Amino acid sequence: MLVEEIIGDGEIIVRDKVAIAIDRLRAFEPEGGYYLAFSGGKDSVVIKALADMAGVKYDAHYNLTTVDPPELVQFIKEKHRDVIINYPKESMWKLIIRHGMPPTRLVRYCCLDLKEHGGAGRICVTGIRKAESAKRSKRKPFEVVTPQIKNKMLFDDNDEDRKLFENCTVKGKRVVNPIIDWTDGDVWEFIRTRGVLYCSLYDEGWKRLGCIGCPMADKSRTKQFQKWPKYKLQYIKTFDRMIARRIERGLPCGKQFESGQTCFDWWIQGKQYDDGSFDDQIEME
């Protein structure tokens, strides 16, 4: 787990990624401790272990979504009892009915309402990595997340950027991403060499753990509903209630919204209907 770094005069030095991650954590440890965003996945167990190695103060938080894999929730409760579980004001089922539509790749209100909150006014630690997606490849070790996402401020490891991050007065949430430049191989090497406990779902072949039915999971959603069929039934029942609510409000219901089952088929399979109503760019009312 070595990485080459170029310092100011062009000299190339080689450092261990674990040492770099620990240095990032120690650099900005707040007096009250970090807010560590914990999902129970492989990246989360790594940043939590690194925080312990760094000797920094933190409190870890898990945002329960109500559509979490049961095995993941059980793992957190049994192996990470110090993690604070934050329960949502509304379940996923109530959110769907209130919004009048299922979450899609383009309209992911569920992330905003169920996951992307907490840590306001604090310095947060996340397990975000560039290797996870093209969008995340642009992320940096230190960030300031402002109320308007387009104004997010990104900072690197150099001394000037670190000073700017530390002294930033912009209203927003400061974030430290200690393993931002780690690969999947780095994560698993750390877990295995350090004996870090992880959720058993990975041993069943799951690559990423997240909400059951998440539209960002693409084809793996079919596999999810095969493993957790009760969640499929609950989604269909919820879609039925959602459609009834749309009718009460006088909102349009095309063929995709004829029933909870047709809605589920459109949502999970991308099935299209002749009337062209409600495609993947459906807008919230």
Protein backbone atom coordinates (compact mmCIF):
# COMPACT_ATOMS: atom_id res chain seq x y z
CA MET A 1 0.00 0.00 0.00
CA LEU A 2 2.65 2.48 -1.07
CA VAL A 3 2.08 5.66 -3.02
CA GLU A 4 4.45 8.10 -4.72
CA GLU A 5 4.16 11.76 -3.76
CA ILE A 6 5.81 14.74 -5.42
CA ILE A 7 6.88 17.41 -2.95
CA GLY A 8 7.47 21.10 -3.64
CA ASP A 9 10.87 20.87 -5.35
CA GLY A 10 9.80 18.01 -7.63
CA GLU A 11 11.41 15.33 -5.48
CA ILE A 12 9.49 12.05 -5.43
CA ILE A 13 9.01 10.37 -2.07
CA VAL A 14 7.27 7.09 -1.27
CA ARG A 15 4.88 6.89 1.67
CA ASP A 16 2.55 4.28 3.06
CA LYS A 17 -1.15 4.97 2.45
CA VAL A 18 -1.99 3.99 6.02
CA ALA A 19 0.46 6.59 7.35
CA ILE A 20 -1.01 9.22 5.03
CA ALA A 21 -4.57 8.44 6.17
CA ILE A 22 -3.57 8.65 9.82
CA ASP A 23 -1.78 11.95 9.16
CA ARG A 24 -4.94 13.36 7.55
CA LEU A 25 -6.99 12.38 10.58
CA ARG A 26 -4.54 13.82 13.10
CA ALA A 27 -4.12 17.07 11.16
CA PHE A 28 -7.57 18.47 11.91
CA GLU A 29 -8.81 16.65 15.01
CA PRO A 30 -11.35 19.02 16.59
CA GLU A 31 -11.50 19.55 20.32
CA GLY A 32 -14.93 17.93 20.51
CA GLY A 33 -13.95 15.06 18.26
CA TYR A 34 -14.91 14.09 14.73
CA TYR A 35 -18.36 13.12 13.49
CA LEU A 36 -17.55 9.80 11.79
CA ALA A 37 -20.12 8.79 9.14
CA PHE A 38 -20.45 5.02 9.46
CA SER A 39 -22.39 2.86 6.98
CA GLY A 40 -21.23 -0.57 8.13
CA GLY A 41 -19.56 -1.26 4.78
CA LYS A 42 -15.93 -2.14 4.14
CA ASP A 43 -14.80 1.49 3.79
CA SER A 44 -16.52 2.47 7.02
CA VAL A 45 -14.89 -0.25 9.11
CA VAL A 46 -11.53 0.85 7.69
CA ILE A 47 -11.87 4.55 8.55
CA LYS A 48 -13.11 3.62 12.04
CA ALA A 49 -10.09 1.36 12.55
CA LEU A 50 -7.80 4.11 11.24
CA ALA A 51 -9.33 6.63 13.63
CA ASP A 52 -8.56 4.24 16.49
CA MET A 53 -4.98 3.81 15.25
CA ALA A 54 -4.60 7.58 14.96
CA GLY A 55 -5.82 8.00 18.52
CA VAL A 56 -8.26 10.74 17.54
CA LYS A 57 -11.52 11.40 19.32
CA TYR A 58 -14.73 10.69 17.42
CA ASP A 59 -18.33 9.57 17.69
CA ALA A 60 -19.57 7.30 14.90
CA HIS A 61 -23.09 7.59 13.47
CA TYR A 62 -25.16 5.25 11.31
CA ASN A 63 -28.22 6.68 9.54
CA LEU A 64 -30.80 3.91 9.42
CA THR A 65 -32.88 4.11 6.22
CA THR A 66 -35.50 1.36 6.95
CA VAL A 67 -34.50 -0.43 3.72
CA ASP A 68 -31.09 -1.56 4.96
CA PRO A 69 -29.94 -5.18 4.54
CA PRO A 70 -30.88 -6.93 7.83
CA GLU A 71 -27.46 -8.60 8.01
CA LEU A 72 -25.76 -5.20 7.83
CA VAL A 73 -27.84 -3.73 10.65
CA GLN A 74 -27.20 -6.83 12.78
CA PHE A 75 -23.46 -6.58 12.12
CA ILE A 76 -23.39 -2.97 13.32
CA LYS A 77 -25.42 -3.75 16.44
CA GLU A 78 -23.27 -6.74 17.38
CA LYS A 79 -19.74 -5.69 16.34
CA HIS A 80 -19.89 -1.89 16.60
CA ARG A 81 -21.95 -1.22 19.69
CA ASP A 82 -20.38 2.20 20.12
CA VAL A 83 -21.92 3.41 16.86
CA ILE A 84 -24.89 5.71 17.37
CA ILE A 85 -27.86 4.61 15.25
CA ASN A 86 -29.89 7.58 14.02
CA TYR A 87 -33.49 6.70 13.21
CA PRO A 88 -35.28 8.68 10.46
CA LYS A 89 -38.30 10.91 10.99
CA GLU A 90 -40.02 9.09 8.12
CA SER A 91 -39.50 5.59 6.74
CA MET A 92 -38.75 5.00 3.07
CA TRP A 93 -42.35 3.84 2.65
CA LYS A 94 -43.79 7.11 3.98
CA LEU A 95 -41.35 9.13 1.86
CA ILE A 96 -42.49 7.39 -1.33
CA ILE A 97 -46.13 8.11 -0.57
CA ARG A 98 -45.42 11.74 0.36
CA HIS A 99 -43.31 12.40 -2.74
CA GLY A 100 -45.81 10.64 -4.98
CA MET A 101 -43.19 8.68 -6.88
CA PRO A 102 -40.43 6.11 -6.35
CA PRO A 103 -36.86 7.38 -6.07
CA THR A 104 -34.99 7.22 -9.40
CA ARG A 105 -31.42 7.74 -10.55
CA LEU A 106 -32.28 11.35 -11.37
CA VAL A 107 -34.54 12.09 -8.40
CA ARG A 108 -32.97 10.57 -5.29
CA TYR A 109 -34.87 12.34 -2.54
CA CYS A 110 -34.25 9.31 -0.32
CA CYS A 111 -30.52 10.09 0.03
CA LEU A 112 -31.25 13.66 1.09
CA ASP A 113 -33.96 12.68 3.59
CA LEU A 114 -32.46 9.47 4.98
CA LYS A 115 -28.68 9.57 4.60
CA GLU A 116 -27.14 12.95 3.83
CA HIS A 117 -27.71 14.67 7.14
CA GLY A 118 -26.01 14.84 10.48
CA GLY A 119 -22.75 16.39 11.51
CA ALA A 120 -23.84 19.99 10.97
CA GLY A 121 -21.25 22.40 12.37
CA ARG A 122 -18.71 19.61 12.88
CA ILE A 123 -15.74 18.17 11.01
CA CYS A 124 -16.91 14.90 9.50
CA VAL A 125 -14.94 11.82 8.48
CA THR A 126 -16.15 9.69 5.57
CA GLY A 127 -14.95 6.60 3.71
CA ILE A 128 -15.44 8.12 0.26
CA ARG A 129 -12.91 6.93 -2.33
CA LYS A 130 -12.12 8.11 -5.86
CA ALA A 131 -12.17 4.54 -7.19
CA GLU A 132 -15.88 4.18 -6.42
CA SER A 133 -17.20 6.18 -9.37
CA ALA A 134 -16.34 8.71 -12.05
CA LYS A 135 -18.07 11.43 -10.06
CA ARG A 136 -16.11 10.65 -6.91
CA SER A 137 -12.83 10.56 -8.85
CA LYS A 138 -12.83 14.36 -8.62
CA ARG A 139 -13.07 14.41 -4.83
CA LYS A 140 -10.22 15.51 -2.54
CA PRO A 141 -8.93 14.58 0.95
CA PHE A 142 -10.43 17.73 2.50
CA GLU A 143 -13.68 19.41 1.50
CA VAL A 144 -16.06 22.13 2.59
CA VAL A 145 -19.64 21.27 1.66
CA THR A 146 -21.66 24.46 1.28
CA PRO A 147 -25.47 24.87 1.18
CA GLN A 148 -25.17 25.12 -2.61
CA ILE A 149 -23.42 21.97 -3.86
CA LYS A 150 -21.95 23.78 -6.86
CA ASN A 151 -19.90 25.92 -4.44
CA LYS A 152 -18.26 22.93 -2.73
CA MET A 153 -14.60 23.65 -1.93
CA LEU A 154 -11.96 20.92 -2.44
CA PHE A 155 -8.52 20.85 -0.85
CA ASP A 156 -5.49 18.62 -1.38
CA ASP A 157 -2.66 17.45 0.87
CA ASN A 158 -0.24 20.30 0.21
CA ASP A 159 0.50 22.76 3.01
CA GLU A 160 -1.26 25.70 1.37
CA ASP A 161 -4.50 23.76 0.83
CA ARG A 162 -4.40 22.45 4.39
CA LYS A 163 -4.11 25.97 5.77
CA LEU A 164 -7.02 27.12 3.61
CA PHE A 165 -9.13 24.19 4.82
CA GLU A 166 -8.25 24.78 8.47
CA ASN A 167 -8.96 28.52 8.32
CA CYS A 168 -11.97 28.37 6.00
CA THR A 169 -14.74 30.69 7.21
CA VAL A 170 -17.29 29.69 4.57
CA LYS A 171 -20.52 28.47 6.12
CA GLY A 172 -20.63 24.74 5.50
CA LYS A 173 -19.66 21.31 6.74
CA ARG A 174 -15.97 20.43 6.71
CA VAL A 175 -15.16 16.87 5.63
CA VAL A 176 -12.04 14.73 5.88
CA ASN A 177 -11.75 11.77 3.48
CA PRO A 178 -8.70 9.87 4.82
CA ILE A 179 -8.82 6.98 2.29
CA ILE A 180 -9.86 9.04 -0.74
CA ASP A 181 -7.01 7.61 -2.86
CA TRP A 182 -7.31 3.97 -1.77
CA THR A 183 -8.24 1.23 -4.23
CA ASP A 184 -10.52 -1.72 -3.45
CA GLY A 185 -7.35 -3.80 -3.15
CA ASP A 186 -5.94 -1.39 -0.56
CA VAL A 187 -9.14 -1.61 1.49
CA TRP A 188 -9.19 -5.42 1.52
CA GLU A 189 -5.45 -5.63 2.20
CA PHE A 190 -5.90 -3.42 5.27
CA ILE A 191 -8.91 -5.44 6.47
CA ARG A 192 -7.14 -8.78 6.13
CA THR A 193 -3.72 -7.80 7.45
CA ARG A 194 -5.21 -5.94 10.42
CA GLY A 195 -7.93 -8.50 11.19
CA VAL A 196 -10.72 -5.93 10.85
CA LEU A 197 -14.21 -7.43 11.16
CA TYR A 198 -16.57 -6.87 8.23
CA CYS A 199 -20.16 -7.72 7.25
CA SER A 200 -20.67 -11.32 6.09
CA LEU A 201 -22.56 -10.17 2.97
CA TYR A 202 -19.21 -9.54 1.27
CA ASP A 203 -18.40 -13.24 1.59
CA GLU A 204 -21.63 -13.99 -0.30
CA GLY A 205 -20.36 -12.04 -3.30
CA TRP A 206 -21.89 -8.61 -2.69
CA LYS A 207 -19.51 -5.89 -3.87
CA ARG A 208 -21.24 -2.91 -2.28
CA LEU A 209 -23.75 -2.73 0.53
CA GLY A 210 -26.54 -0.18 0.47
CA CYS A 211 -30.26 0.31 0.52
CA ILE A 212 -32.33 -2.56 -0.84
CA GLY A 213 -33.82 -1.36 -4.13
CA CYS A 214 -31.51 1.64 -4.55
CA PRO A 215 -31.89 2.85 -8.18
CA MET A 216 -28.11 3.39 -8.32
CA ALA A 217 -27.57 -0.36 -7.89
CA ASP A 218 -28.82 -1.05 -11.45
CA LYS A 219 -28.99 -4.76 -12.33
CA SER A 220 -28.06 -5.96 -8.85
CA ARG A 221 -31.51 -4.87 -7.64
CA THR A 222 -33.01 -8.05 -9.10
CA LYS A 223 -30.53 -10.06 -7.05
CA GLN A 224 -31.39 -8.00 -3.98
CA PHE A 225 -35.10 -8.75 -4.24
CA GLN A 226 -34.36 -12.44 -4.71
CA LYS A 227 -32.48 -12.45 -1.42
CA TRP A 228 -34.90 -10.19 0.44
CA PRO A 229 -38.33 -10.88 -1.16
CA LYS A 230 -40.31 -9.26 1.67
CA TYR A 231 -38.88 -5.90 0.65
CA LYS A 232 -40.17 -6.41 -2.89
CA LEU A 233 -43.67 -7.05 -1.54
CA GLN A 234 -43.44 -3.97 0.68
CA TYR A 235 -42.38 -1.78 -2.26
CA ILE A 236 -45.35 -3.02 -4.34
CA LYS A 237 -47.78 -2.39 -1.45
CA THR A 238 -46.30 1.07 -0.95
CA PHE A 239 -46.60 1.86 -4.67
CA ASP A 240 -50.30 0.89 -4.48
CA ARG A 241 -50.78 3.36 -1.63
CA MET A 242 -48.73 5.97 -3.48
CA ILE A 243 -50.93 5.65 -6.58
CA ALA A 244 -54.10 5.94 -4.49
CA ARG A 245 -52.69 9.10 -2.96
CA ARG A 246 -51.86 10.52 -6.41
CA ILE A 247 -55.44 9.89 -7.52
CA GLU A 248 -56.75 11.67 -4.41
CA ARG A 249 -54.56 14.67 -5.25
CA GLY A 250 -55.70 14.69 -8.89
CA LEU A 251 -52.21 13.93 -10.22
CA PRO A 252 -51.71 12.06 -13.53
CA CYS A 253 -51.23 8.30 -13.52
CA GLY A 254 -50.06 6.77 -16.80
CA LYS A 255 -49.78 3.06 -17.52
CA GLN A 256 -46.69 2.79 -15.33
CA PHE A 257 -48.90 3.83 -12.43
CA GLU A 258 -51.87 1.56 -13.09
CA SER A 259 -50.94 -0.59 -10.08
CA GLY A 260 -48.17 -1.19 -7.59
CA GLN A 261 -46.97 -4.11 -9.72
CA THR A 262 -46.76 -2.15 -12.99
CA CYS A 263 -44.99 0.65 -11.14
CA PHE A 264 -42.52 -1.84 -9.69
CA ASP A 265 -41.87 -3.35 -13.14
CA TRP A 266 -41.17 0.09 -14.60
CA TRP A 267 -39.01 1.05 -11.64
CA ILE A 268 -36.91 -2.10 -11.40
CA GLN A 269 -36.72 -3.15 -15.07
CA GLY A 270 -36.95 0.18 -16.85
CA LYS A 271 -40.04 -1.15 -18.68
CA GLN A 272 -41.55 1.38 -21.06
CA TYR A 273 -45.19 1.76 -22.11
CA ASP A 274 -46.70 2.87 -25.42
CA ASP A 275 -48.29 6.04 -24.09
CA GLY A 276 -44.89 7.43 -23.17
CA SER A 277 -46.09 8.58 -19.77
CA PHE A 278 -43.67 8.67 -16.86
CA ASP A 279 -40.18 7.91 -18.05
CA ASP A 280 -37.07 7.90 -15.86
CA GLN A 281 -37.12 11.70 -15.82
CA ILE A 282 -40.45 11.87 -14.01
CA GLU A 283 -40.63 15.02 -11.94
CA MET A 284 -41.93 15.39 -8.42
CA GLU A 285 -45.18 17.22 -8.03
